[in-house]
Amino acid sequence: MPGSPAYRFLEAKQKIEAFCAYQERCDFDVRHKLYEWKLSTEDVDALIAHLIAHNFLNEERFAEAFVSGKFRIKKWGRVKIRQQLKLKKISAYSINKALTQIDEAEYIQTAKELLASKARLTKSKNNWDKLNKLKRYLASKGYETELIHEIAGGQEIN
C-alpha cells in the first residue's frame, strides 16, 4: 500500500532518536524526515514533543552548531548563515544569539584570507574587473557589503 507508514510509531521513535543523536538537527529537518516516512501529523507532533522534552532537539544548540561549522569549515559570512538558518525556520532570537559566537577579529581575518587566496587565483584584464570579481566572490560567501568594500578597498590587487 503506497500510503502506509514506513515505520510504526515505536520504530519511528527509535530511529528518529538515533537520527537526532548522530548530529544536531532542527525541527524543520526532523519533521521533513518523519513526513518522508509517511507518519501522520499527530504522530509527528507527538515525536517532536518527545524529542524536545528529552533534549534530542534544541533550536539554540542547533543554531550554534550550524554557525560554528559553516563559519569555521566553509568560511561562510553572516549573511549566508542567517539566510540558511531562516530557510530551516529557526527563530530570529536563536539566529542572533548563535551569530554572536563569531569573534569579530577572526571574522574579518577570515574575509581577508579568502580575498587574498582568491586574488592569487583570479585572472583579469585590468584591476577594476579583478576587484569586482573578488567583491562578488566575498558576497557569494555571505559577507556584508560594507565589510567587503572596507577590506577590498585596502587590498593590493595584482
C-alpha atoms as a PDB file:
ATOM      1  CA  MET A   1       0.000   0.000   0.000  1.00  0.00           C
ATOM      2  CA  PRO A   2       1.723   3.298  -1.072  1.00  0.00           C
ATOM      3  CA  GLY A   3       0.229   5.494   1.666  1.00  0.00           C
ATOM      4  CA  SER A   4       1.130   3.282   4.620  1.00  0.00           C
ATOM      5  CA  PRO A   5       3.830   4.491   7.028  1.00  0.00           C
ATOM      6  CA  ALA A   6       7.338   3.124   6.571  1.00  0.00           C
ATOM      7  CA  TYR A   7       7.610   2.550  10.347  1.00  0.00           C
ATOM      8  CA  ARG A   8       5.248   2.018  13.248  1.00  0.00           C
ATOM      9  CA  PHE A   9       5.276   4.680  15.961  1.00  0.00           C
ATOM     10  CA  LEU A  10       7.741   2.968  18.321  1.00  0.00           C
ATOM     11  CA  GLU A  11      10.091   2.058  15.472  1.00  0.00           C
ATOM     12  CA  ALA A  12       9.944   5.627  14.199  1.00  0.00           C
ATOM     13  CA  LYS A  13      10.632   6.902  17.735  1.00  0.00           C
ATOM     14  CA  GLN A  14      13.782   4.774  17.996  1.00  0.00           C
ATOM     15  CA  LYS A  15      15.016   5.693  14.524  1.00  0.00           C
ATOM     16  CA  ILE A  16      14.373   9.431  14.921  1.00  0.00           C
ATOM     17  CA  GLU A  17      16.127   9.456  18.316  1.00  0.00           C
ATOM     18  CA  ALA A  18      19.181   7.889  16.662  1.00  0.00           C
ATOM     19  CA  PHE A  19      18.884  10.396  13.791  1.00  0.00           C
ATOM     20  CA  CYS A  20      18.955  13.296  16.269  1.00  0.00           C
ATOM     21  CA  ALA A  21      21.687  11.776  18.441  1.00  0.00           C
ATOM     22  CA  TYR A  22      24.022  11.400  15.448  1.00  0.00           C
ATOM     23  CA  GLN A  23      24.283  15.173  14.904  1.00  0.00           C
ATOM     24  CA  GLU A  24      22.432  18.334  15.803  1.00  0.00           C
ATOM     25  CA  ARG A  25      19.124  18.610  13.955  1.00  0.00           C
ATOM     26  CA  CYS A  26      16.438  21.239  13.739  1.00  0.00           C
ATOM     27  CA  ASP A  27      12.670  20.837  13.962  1.00  0.00           C
ATOM     28  CA  PHE A  28      12.327  21.508  10.220  1.00  0.00           C
ATOM     29  CA  ASP A  29      14.702  18.674   9.202  1.00  0.00           C
ATOM     30  CA  VAL A  30      13.193  16.208  11.662  1.00  0.00           C
ATOM     31  CA  ARG A  31       9.633  16.972  10.541  1.00  0.00           C
ATOM     32  CA  HIS A  32      10.700  16.536   6.930  1.00  0.00           C
ATOM     33  CA  LYS A  33      12.232  13.136   7.734  1.00  0.00           C
ATOM     34  CA  LEU A  34       9.147  11.993   9.659  1.00  0.00           C
ATOM     35  CA  TYR A  35       6.819  13.040   6.837  1.00  0.00           C
ATOM     36  CA  GLU A  36       9.090  11.176   4.407  1.00  0.00           C
ATOM     37  CA  TRP A  37       8.318   8.108   6.488  1.00  0.00           C
ATOM     38  CA  LYS A  38       4.614   8.863   5.889  1.00  0.00           C
ATOM     39  CA  LEU A  39       3.732   9.267   9.561  1.00  0.00           C
ATOM     40  CA  SER A  40       0.523  11.055  10.470  1.00  0.00           C
ATOM     41  CA  THR A  41       0.565  14.658  11.641  1.00  0.00           C
ATOM     42  CA  GLU A  42      -0.442  13.564  15.158  1.00  0.00           C
ATOM     43  CA  ASP A  43       2.434  11.078  15.317  1.00  0.00           C
ATOM     44  CA  VAL A  44       4.891  13.666  14.004  1.00  0.00           C
ATOM     45  CA  ASP A  45       3.763  16.218  16.595  1.00  0.00           C
ATOM     46  CA  ALA A  46       3.992  13.631  19.376  1.00  0.00           C
ATOM     47  CA  LEU A  47       7.501  12.594  18.304  1.00  0.00           C
ATOM     48  CA  ILE A  48       8.687  16.216  18.051  1.00  0.00           C
ATOM     49  CA  ALA A  49       7.337  16.915  21.553  1.00  0.00           C
ATOM     50  CA  HIS A  50       9.119  13.793  22.847  1.00  0.00           C
ATOM     51  CA  LEU A  51      12.412  14.815  21.200  1.00  0.00           C
ATOM     52  CA  ILE A  52      12.246  18.318  22.667  1.00  0.00           C
ATOM     53  CA  ALA A  53      11.285  17.029  26.135  1.00  0.00           C
ATOM     54  CA  HIS A  54      14.205  14.588  26.130  1.00  0.00           C
ATOM     55  CA  ASN A  55      16.658  17.168  24.763  1.00  0.00           C
ATOM     56  CA  PHE A  56      17.231  15.445  21.420  1.00  0.00           C
ATOM     57  CA  LEU A  57      16.072  18.640  19.709  1.00  0.00           C
ATOM     58  CA  ASN A  58      17.169  22.094  20.806  1.00  0.00           C
ATOM     59  CA  GLU A  59      16.860  25.040  18.408  1.00  0.00           C
ATOM     60  CA  GLU A  60      19.505  27.211  20.075  1.00  0.00           C
ATOM     61  CA  ARG A  61      22.017  24.358  20.257  1.00  0.00           C
ATOM     62  CA  PHE A  62      21.392  23.541  16.587  1.00  0.00           C
ATOM     63  CA  ALA A  63      21.853  27.189  15.556  1.00  0.00           C
ATOM     64  CA  GLU A  64      25.125  27.452  17.486  1.00  0.00           C
ATOM     65  CA  ALA A  65      26.498  24.249  15.931  1.00  0.00           C
ATOM     66  CA  PHE A  66      25.381  25.352  12.460  1.00  0.00           C
ATOM     67  CA  VAL A  67      27.008  28.785  12.791  1.00  0.00           C
ATOM     68  CA  SER A  68      30.229  27.333  14.146  1.00  0.00           C
ATOM     69  CA  GLY A  69      30.521  24.737  11.394  1.00  0.00           C
ATOM     70  CA  LYS A  70      29.588  26.947   8.475  1.00  0.00           C
ATOM     71  CA  PHE A  71      31.919  29.748   9.575  1.00  0.00           C
ATOM     72  CA  ARG A  72      34.935  27.690  10.613  1.00  0.00           C
ATOM     73  CA  ILE A  73      34.772  24.959   7.979  1.00  0.00           C
ATOM     74  CA  LYS A  74      33.049  26.506   4.955  1.00  0.00           C
ATOM     75  CA  LYS A  75      34.138  30.083   5.761  1.00  0.00           C
ATOM     76  CA  TRP A  76      30.636  31.470   5.196  1.00  0.00           C
ATOM     77  CA  GLY A  77      29.773  35.020   6.185  1.00  0.00           C
ATOM     78  CA  ARG A  78      26.955  36.084   8.494  1.00  0.00           C
ATOM     79  CA  VAL A  79      24.561  36.959   5.668  1.00  0.00           C
ATOM     80  CA  LYS A  80      24.650  33.481   4.132  1.00  0.00           C
ATOM     81  CA  ILE A  81      24.488  31.749   7.511  1.00  0.00           C
ATOM     82  CA  ARG A  82      21.464  33.851   8.518  1.00  0.00           C
ATOM     83  CA  GLN A  83      19.674  33.040   5.230  1.00  0.00           C
ATOM     84  CA  GLN A  84      20.267  29.307   5.602  1.00  0.00           C
ATOM     85  CA  LEU A  85      19.022  29.296   9.196  1.00  0.00           C
ATOM     86  CA  LYS A  86      15.896  31.206   8.144  1.00  0.00           C
ATOM     87  CA  LEU A  87      15.262  28.550   5.491  1.00  0.00           C
ATOM     88  CA  LYS A  88      15.315  25.983   8.293  1.00  0.00           C
ATOM     89  CA  LYS A  89      12.688  28.033  10.189  1.00  0.00           C
ATOM     90  CA  ILE A  90      14.995  28.925  13.080  1.00  0.00           C
ATOM     91  CA  SER A  91      13.769  31.847  15.197  1.00  0.00           C
ATOM     92  CA  ALA A  92      15.407  35.256  14.877  1.00  0.00           C
ATOM     93  CA  TYR A  93      16.338  35.101  18.577  1.00  0.00           C
ATOM     94  CA  SER A  94      18.257  31.820  18.133  1.00  0.00           C
ATOM     95  CA  ILE A  95      19.932  33.071  14.957  1.00  0.00           C
ATOM     96  CA  ASN A  96      21.101  36.308  16.573  1.00  0.00           C
ATOM     97  CA  LYS A  97      22.302  34.504  19.697  1.00  0.00           C
ATOM     98  CA  ALA A  98      24.277  31.979  17.626  1.00  0.00           C
ATOM     99  CA  LEU A  99      25.822  34.651  15.377  1.00  0.00           C
ATOM    100  CA  THR A 100      27.233  36.455  18.425  1.00  0.00           C
ATOM    101  CA  GLN A 101      29.599  33.470  18.854  1.00  0.00           C
ATOM    102  CA  ILE A 102      31.629  34.580  15.839  1.00  0.00           C
ATOM    103  CA  ASP A 103      34.643  36.561  17.016  1.00  0.00           C
ATOM    104  CA  GLU A 104      34.788  39.855  15.082  1.00  0.00           C
ATOM    105  CA  ALA A 105      38.575  39.840  14.626  1.00  0.00           C
ATOM    106  CA  GLU A 106      38.525  36.232  13.399  1.00  0.00           C
ATOM    107  CA  TYR A 107      35.629  37.076  11.053  1.00  0.00           C
ATOM    108  CA  ILE A 108      37.496  39.981   9.440  1.00  0.00           C
ATOM    109  CA  GLN A 109      40.714  37.946   9.233  1.00  0.00           C
ATOM    110  CA  THR A 110      38.859  35.085   7.509  1.00  0.00           C
ATOM    111  CA  ALA A 111      37.375  37.503   4.960  1.00  0.00           C
ATOM    112  CA  LYS A 112      40.826  38.947   4.281  1.00  0.00           C
ATOM    113  CA  GLU A 113      42.327  35.475   3.840  1.00  0.00           C
ATOM    114  CA  LEU A 114      39.542  34.466   1.444  1.00  0.00           C
ATOM    115  CA  LEU A 115      40.103  37.643  -0.565  1.00  0.00           C
ATOM    116  CA  ALA A 116      43.874  37.100  -0.722  1.00  0.00           C
ATOM    117  CA  SER A 117      43.615  33.452  -1.776  1.00  0.00           C
ATOM    118  CA  LYS A 118      41.003  34.264  -4.419  1.00  0.00           C
ATOM    119  CA  ALA A 119      43.125  37.187  -5.690  1.00  0.00           C
ATOM    120  CA  ARG A 120      46.014  34.790  -6.381  1.00  0.00           C
ATOM    121  CA  LEU A 121      43.726  32.597  -8.498  1.00  0.00           C
ATOM    122  CA  THR A 122      41.806  35.324 -10.331  1.00  0.00           C
ATOM    123  CA  LYS A 123      42.931  36.397 -13.792  1.00  0.00           C
ATOM    124  CA  SER A 124      41.573  39.557 -15.341  1.00  0.00           C
ATOM    125  CA  LYS A 125      42.429  42.152 -17.993  1.00  0.00           C
ATOM    126  CA  ASN A 126      42.512  45.030 -15.532  1.00  0.00           C
ATOM    127  CA  ASN A 127      42.442  45.732 -11.818  1.00  0.00           C
ATOM    128  CA  TRP A 128      38.874  47.081 -11.915  1.00  0.00           C
ATOM    129  CA  ASP A 129      37.487  43.781 -13.268  1.00  0.00           C
ATOM    130  CA  LYS A 130      39.592  41.767 -10.859  1.00  0.00           C
ATOM    131  CA  LEU A 131      38.433  43.845  -7.889  1.00  0.00           C
ATOM    132  CA  ASN A 132      34.784  43.387  -8.905  1.00  0.00           C
ATOM    133  CA  LYS A 133      35.267  39.616  -9.241  1.00  0.00           C
ATOM    134  CA  LEU A 134      36.794  39.485  -5.770  1.00  0.00           C
ATOM    135  CA  LYS A 135      33.950  41.528  -4.285  1.00  0.00           C
ATOM    136  CA  ARG A 136      31.354  39.256  -5.916  1.00  0.00           C
ATOM    137  CA  TYR A 137      33.175  36.228  -4.536  1.00  0.00           C
ATOM    138  CA  LEU A 138      33.057  37.536  -0.960  1.00  0.00           C
ATOM    139  CA  ALA A 139      29.397  38.488  -1.418  1.00  0.00           C
ATOM    140  CA  SER A 140      28.640  34.941  -2.613  1.00  0.00           C
ATOM    141  CA  LYS A 141      30.294  33.616   0.553  1.00  0.00           C
ATOM    142  CA  GLY A 142      27.868  35.746   2.571  1.00  0.00           C
ATOM    143  CA  TYR A 143      29.979  38.635   3.802  1.00  0.00           C
ATOM    144  CA  GLU A 144      28.422  42.053   4.368  1.00  0.00           C
ATOM    145  CA  THR A 145      28.754  44.680   1.619  1.00  0.00           C
ATOM    146  CA  GLU A 146      30.282  47.264   3.975  1.00  0.00           C
ATOM    147  CA  LEU A 147      32.937  44.803   5.138  1.00  0.00           C
ATOM    148  CA  ILE A 148      33.709  43.780   1.546  1.00  0.00           C
ATOM    149  CA  HIS A 149      34.241  47.392   0.480  1.00  0.00           C
ATOM    150  CA  GLU A 150      36.342  48.056   3.565  1.00  0.00           C
ATOM    151  CA  ILE A 151      38.689  45.092   3.000  1.00  0.00           C
ATOM    152  CA  ALA A 152      38.773  45.171  -0.789  1.00  0.00           C
ATOM    153  CA  GLY A 153      39.393  48.906  -0.775  1.00  0.00           C
ATOM    154  CA  GLY A 154      42.674  48.471   1.088  1.00  0.00           C
ATOM    155  CA  GLN A 155      43.653  45.341  -0.855  1.00  0.00           C
ATOM    156  CA  GLU A 156      46.613  45.392  -3.224  1.00  0.00           C
ATOM    157  CA  ILE A 157      45.320  43.812  -6.454  1.00  0.00           C
ATOM    158  CA  ASN A 158      47.933  42.251  -8.740  1.00  0.00           C
END
